[in-house]
Amino acid sequence: TFHAPVGTRDMTPEDLAENVDVIMKRLISKLARGKMNIQSVYVKTTMGKAVRLL
């Protein structure tokens, strides 16, 4: 399990998407089997429901 803040509620959807993309690329580059080691990816606000991305 891996948790990382990607932004704040006042950010634009484009900025949040860019942050998620940067984190995903960095994480994939550090994993021995790359994307094959990632089972799922979710985003959520502090009190909101999680939304599955992958």
PDB file of N, CA and C in Angstrom:
ATOM      1  N   THR A   1       0.844  -1.181   0.000  1.00  0.00           N
ATOM      2  CA  THR A   1       0.000   0.000   0.000  1.00  0.00           C
ATOM      3  C   THR A   1       0.885   1.238   0.000  1.00  0.00           C
ATOM      4  N   PHE A   2       0.473   2.223  -0.770  1.00  0.00           N
ATOM      5  CA  PHE A   2       1.246   3.457  -0.916  1.00  0.00           C
ATOM      6  C   PHE A   2       0.268   4.615  -0.903  1.00  0.00           C
ATOM      7  N   HIS A   3       0.506   5.615  -0.073  1.00  0.00           N
ATOM      8  CA  HIS A   3      -0.346   6.802   0.008  1.00  0.00           C
ATOM      9  C   HIS A   3       0.501   8.032  -0.292  1.00  0.00           C
ATOM     10  N   ALA A   4      -0.055   8.958  -1.078  1.00  0.00           N
ATOM     11  CA  ALA A   4       0.677  10.192  -1.382  1.00  0.00           C
ATOM     12  C   ALA A   4      -0.304  11.316  -1.657  1.00  0.00           C
ATOM     13  N   PRO A   5      -0.121  12.467  -1.045  1.00  0.00           N
ATOM     14  CA  PRO A   5      -0.971  13.614  -1.381  1.00  0.00           C
ATOM     15  C   PRO A   5      -0.616  14.100  -2.785  1.00  0.00           C
ATOM     16  N   VAL A   6      -1.641  14.432  -3.572  1.00  0.00           N
ATOM     17  CA  VAL A   6      -1.393  14.880  -4.948  1.00  0.00           C
ATOM     18  C   VAL A   6      -1.853  16.304  -5.193  1.00  0.00           C
ATOM     19  N   GLY A   7      -2.523  16.908  -4.228  1.00  0.00           N
ATOM     20  CA  GLY A   7      -2.977  18.275  -4.421  1.00  0.00           C
ATOM     21  C   GLY A   7      -3.968  18.690  -3.364  1.00  0.00           C
ATOM     22  N   THR A   8      -4.646  19.791  -3.659  1.00  0.00           N
ATOM     23  CA  THR A   8      -5.653  20.328  -2.757  1.00  0.00           C
ATOM     24  C   THR A   8      -6.958  20.519  -3.513  1.00  0.00           C
ATOM     25  N   ARG A   9      -8.034  20.688  -2.785  1.00  0.00           N
ATOM     26  CA  ARG A   9      -9.354  20.824  -3.413  1.00  0.00           C
ATOM     27  C   ARG A   9      -9.476  22.056  -4.295  1.00  0.00           C
ATOM     28  N   ASP A  10      -8.667  23.068  -4.045  1.00  0.00           N
ATOM     29  CA  ASP A  10      -8.774  24.288  -4.845  1.00  0.00           C
ATOM     30  C   ASP A  10      -7.963  24.233  -6.144  1.00  0.00           C
ATOM     31  N   MET A  11      -7.285  23.132  -6.397  1.00  0.00           N
ATOM     32  CA  MET A  11      -6.516  22.982  -7.639  1.00  0.00           C
ATOM     33  C   MET A  11      -7.444  22.623  -8.795  1.00  0.00           C
ATOM     34  N   THR A  12      -7.017  22.972  -9.997  1.00  0.00           N
ATOM     35  CA  THR A  12      -7.813  22.631 -11.180  1.00  0.00           C
ATOM     36  C   THR A  12      -7.687  21.129 -11.457  1.00  0.00           C
ATOM     37  N   PRO A  13      -8.684  20.554 -12.126  1.00  0.00           N
ATOM     38  CA  PRO A  13      -8.582  19.135 -12.496  1.00  0.00           C
ATOM     39  C   PRO A  13      -7.324  18.843 -13.322  1.00  0.00           C
ATOM     40  N   GLU A  14      -6.932  19.779 -14.155  1.00  0.00           N
ATOM     41  CA  GLU A  14      -5.734  19.587 -14.974  1.00  0.00           C
ATOM     42  C   GLU A  14      -4.473  19.499 -14.116  1.00  0.00           C
ATOM     43  N   ASP A  15      -4.387  20.364 -13.095  1.00  0.00           N
ATOM     44  CA  ASP A  15      -3.231  20.340 -12.194  1.00  0.00           C
ATOM     45  C   ASP A  15      -3.187  19.045 -11.391  1.00  0.00           C
ATOM     46  N   LEU A  16      -4.339  18.598 -10.914  1.00  0.00           N
ATOM     47  CA  LEU A  16      -4.394  17.341 -10.169  1.00  0.00           C
ATOM     48  C   LEU A  16      -3.990  16.174 -11.061  1.00  0.00           C
ATOM     49  N   ALA A  17      -4.507  16.151 -12.285  1.00  0.00           N
ATOM     50  CA  ALA A  17      -4.173  15.075 -13.222  1.00  0.00           C
ATOM     51  C   ALA A  17      -2.677  15.061 -13.519  1.00  0.00           C
ATOM     52  N   GLU A  18      -2.096  16.228 -13.678  1.00  0.00           N
ATOM     53  CA  GLU A  18      -0.652  16.313 -13.934  1.00  0.00           C
ATOM     54  C   GLU A  18       0.133  15.769 -12.746  1.00  0.00           C
ATOM     55  N   ASN A  19      -0.285  16.108 -11.532  1.00  0.00           N
ATOM     56  CA  ASN A  19       0.396  15.608 -10.334  1.00  0.00           C
ATOM     57  C   ASN A  19       0.295  14.093 -10.232  1.00  0.00           C
ATOM     58  N   VAL A  20      -0.884  13.546 -10.497  1.00  0.00           N
ATOM     59  CA  VAL A  20      -1.066  12.092 -10.460  1.00  0.00           C
ATOM     60  C   VAL A  20      -0.162  11.443 -11.500  1.00  0.00           C
ATOM     61  N   ASP A  21      -0.117  12.016 -12.695  1.00  0.00           N
ATOM     62  CA  ASP A  21       0.712  11.471 -13.769  1.00  0.00           C
ATOM     63  C   ASP A  21       2.190  11.456 -13.382  1.00  0.00           C
ATOM     64  N   VAL A  22       2.662  12.536 -12.789  1.00  0.00           N
ATOM     65  CA  VAL A  22       4.068  12.616 -12.375  1.00  0.00           C
ATOM     66  C   VAL A  22       4.372  11.566 -11.309  1.00  0.00           C
ATOM     67  N   ILE A  23       3.496  11.435 -10.325  1.00  0.00           N
ATOM     68  CA  ILE A  23       3.706  10.449  -9.256  1.00  0.00           C
ATOM     69  C   ILE A  23       3.692   9.039  -9.819  1.00  0.00           C
ATOM     70  N   MET A  24       2.737   8.747 -10.706  1.00  0.00           N
ATOM     71  CA  MET A  24       2.653   7.405 -11.292  1.00  0.00           C
ATOM     72  C   MET A  24       3.907   7.073 -12.098  1.00  0.00           C
ATOM     73  N   LYS A  25       4.358   8.006 -12.921  1.00  0.00           N
ATOM     74  CA  LYS A  25       5.563   7.757 -13.723  1.00  0.00           C
ATOM     75  C   LYS A  25       6.778   7.522 -12.834  1.00  0.00           C
ATOM     76  N   ARG A  26       6.890   8.304 -11.780  1.00  0.00           N
ATOM     77  CA  ARG A  26       8.025   8.150 -10.858  1.00  0.00           C
ATOM     78  C   ARG A  26       7.956   6.801 -10.139  1.00  0.00           C
ATOM     79  N   LEU A  27       6.771   6.440  -9.664  1.00  0.00           N
ATOM     80  CA  LEU A  27       6.594   5.171  -8.968  1.00  0.00           C
ATOM     81  C   LEU A  27       6.887   3.995  -9.893  1.00  0.00           C
ATOM     82  N   ILE A  28       6.345   4.027 -11.101  1.00  0.00           N
ATOM     83  CA  ILE A  28       6.567   2.943 -12.065  1.00  0.00           C
ATOM     84  C   ILE A  28       8.055   2.802 -12.380  1.00  0.00           C
ATOM     85  N   SER A  29       8.759   3.916 -12.491  1.00  0.00           N
ATOM     86  CA  SER A  29      10.192   3.855 -12.806  1.00  0.00           C
ATOM     87  C   SER A  29      11.009   3.249 -11.666  1.00  0.00           C
ATOM     88  N   LYS A  30      10.510   3.328 -10.440  1.00  0.00           N
ATOM     89  CA  LYS A  30      11.239   2.817  -9.278  1.00  0.00           C
ATOM     90  C   LYS A  30      10.923   1.354  -8.966  1.00  0.00           C
ATOM     91  N   LEU A  31       9.830   0.829  -9.495  1.00  0.00           N
ATOM     92  CA  LEU A  31       9.435  -0.546  -9.201  1.00  0.00           C
ATOM     93  C   LEU A  31      10.161  -1.524 -10.118  1.00  0.00           C
ATOM     94  N   ALA A  32      10.584  -2.642  -9.558  1.00  0.00           N
ATOM     95  CA  ALA A  32      11.335  -3.636 -10.324  1.00  0.00           C
ATOM     96  C   ALA A  32      10.566  -4.123 -11.555  1.00  0.00           C
ATOM     97  N   ARG A  33       9.284  -4.365 -11.406  1.00  0.00           N
ATOM     98  CA  ARG A  33       8.474  -4.853 -12.526  1.00  0.00           C
ATOM     99  C   ARG A  33       7.581  -3.758 -13.091  1.00  0.00           C
ATOM    100  N   GLY A  34       7.894  -2.520 -12.779  1.00  0.00           N
ATOM    101  CA  GLY A  34       7.142  -1.397 -13.323  1.00  0.00           C
ATOM    102  C   GLY A  34       5.663  -1.455 -12.998  1.00  0.00           C
ATOM    103  N   LYS A  35       4.845  -1.182 -14.006  1.00  0.00           N
ATOM    104  CA  LYS A  35       3.392  -1.127 -13.827  1.00  0.00           C
ATOM    105  C   LYS A  35       2.808  -2.471 -13.388  1.00  0.00           C
ATOM    106  N   MET A  36       3.505  -3.555 -13.673  1.00  0.00           N
ATOM    107  CA  MET A  36       3.016  -4.884 -13.293  1.00  0.00           C
ATOM    108  C   MET A  36       2.911  -5.034 -11.775  1.00  0.00           C
ATOM    109  N   ASN A  37       3.613  -4.210 -11.014  1.00  0.00           N
ATOM    110  CA  ASN A  37       3.554  -4.258  -9.551  1.00  0.00           C
ATOM    111  C   ASN A  37       2.412  -3.436  -8.977  1.00  0.00           C
ATOM    112  N   ILE A  38       1.686  -2.715  -9.815  1.00  0.00           N
ATOM    113  CA  ILE A  38       0.593  -1.866  -9.337  1.00  0.00           C
ATOM    114  C   ILE A  38      -0.728  -2.570  -9.602  1.00  0.00           C
ATOM    115  N   GLN A  39      -1.440  -2.864  -8.526  1.00  0.00           N
ATOM    116  CA  GLN A  39      -2.702  -3.576  -8.641  1.00  0.00           C
ATOM    117  C   GLN A  39      -3.872  -2.624  -8.852  1.00  0.00           C
ATOM    118  N   SER A  40      -3.840  -1.465  -8.196  1.00  0.00           N
ATOM    119  CA  SER A  40      -4.924  -0.494  -8.339  1.00  0.00           C
ATOM    120  C   SER A  40      -4.435   0.878  -7.899  1.00  0.00           C
ATOM    121  N   VAL A  41      -5.138   1.913  -8.379  1.00  0.00           N
ATOM    122  CA  VAL A  41      -4.831   3.296  -8.016  1.00  0.00           C
ATOM    123  C   VAL A  41      -6.151   4.011  -7.763  1.00  0.00           C
ATOM    124  N   TYR A  42      -6.235   4.708  -6.640  1.00  0.00           N
ATOM    125  CA  TYR A  42      -7.429   5.463  -6.277  1.00  0.00           C
ATOM    126  C   TYR A  42      -7.035   6.886  -5.920  1.00  0.00           C
ATOM    127  N   VAL A  43      -7.955   7.830  -6.115  1.00  0.00           N
ATOM    128  CA  VAL A  43      -7.794   9.187  -5.596  1.00  0.00           C
ATOM    129  C   VAL A  43      -9.030   9.524  -4.781  1.00  0.00           C
ATOM    130  N   LYS A  44      -8.853  10.384  -3.774  1.00  0.00           N
ATOM    131  CA  LYS A  44      -9.990  10.806  -2.959  1.00  0.00           C
ATOM    132  C   LYS A  44      -9.635  12.067  -2.196  1.00  0.00           C
ATOM    133  N   THR A  45     -10.660  12.798  -1.813  1.00  0.00           N
ATOM    134  CA  THR A  45     -10.463  13.915  -0.901  1.00  0.00           C
ATOM    135  C   THR A  45     -10.431  13.345   0.513  1.00  0.00           C
ATOM    136  N   THR A  46     -10.108  14.160   1.474  1.00  0.00           N
ATOM    137  CA  THR A  46      -9.990  13.687   2.848  1.00  0.00           C
ATOM    138  C   THR A  46     -11.258  12.993   3.328  1.00  0.00           C
ATOM    139  N   MET A  47     -12.407  13.581   3.070  1.00  0.00           N
ATOM    140  CA  MET A  47     -13.663  13.012   3.550  1.00  0.00           C
ATOM    141  C   MET A  47     -14.524  12.429   2.424  1.00  0.00           C
ATOM    142  N   GLY A  48     -14.025  12.412   1.219  1.00  0.00           N
ATOM    143  CA  GLY A  48     -14.816  11.947   0.086  1.00  0.00           C
ATOM    144  C   GLY A  48     -14.633  10.468  -0.204  1.00  0.00           C
ATOM    145  N   LYS A  49     -15.419   9.993  -1.169  1.00  0.00           N
ATOM    146  CA  LYS A  49     -15.310   8.611  -1.617  1.00  0.00           C
ATOM    147  C   LYS A  49     -14.111   8.468  -2.547  1.00  0.00           C
ATOM    148  N   ALA A  50     -13.505   7.298  -2.511  1.00  0.00           N
ATOM    149  CA  ALA A  50     -12.377   7.017  -3.395  1.00  0.00           C
ATOM    150  C   ALA A  50     -12.884   6.743  -4.805  1.00  0.00           C
ATOM    151  N   VAL A  51     -12.116   7.207  -5.789  1.00  0.00           N
ATOM    152  CA  VAL A  51     -12.428   6.979  -7.200  1.00  0.00           C
ATOM    153  C   VAL A  51     -11.276   6.177  -7.791  1.00  0.00           C
ATOM    154  N   ARG A  52     -11.608   5.040  -8.387  1.00  0.00           N
ATOM    155  CA  ARG A  52     -10.567   4.173  -8.947  1.00  0.00           C
ATOM    156  C   ARG A  52     -10.076   4.724 -10.283  1.00  0.00           C
ATOM    157  N   LEU A  53      -8.757   4.827 -10.424  1.00  0.00           N
ATOM    158  CA  LEU A  53      -8.143   5.275 -11.673  1.00  0.00           C
ATOM    159  C   LEU A  53      -7.566   4.117 -12.473  1.00  0.00           C
ATOM    160  N   LEU A  54      -7.106   3.093 -11.769  1.00  0.00           N
ATOM    161  CA  LEU A  54      -6.470   1.948 -12.424  1.00  0.00           C
ATOM    162  C   LEU A  54      -6.844   0.688 -11.703  1.00  0.00           C
TER     163      LEU A  54
END
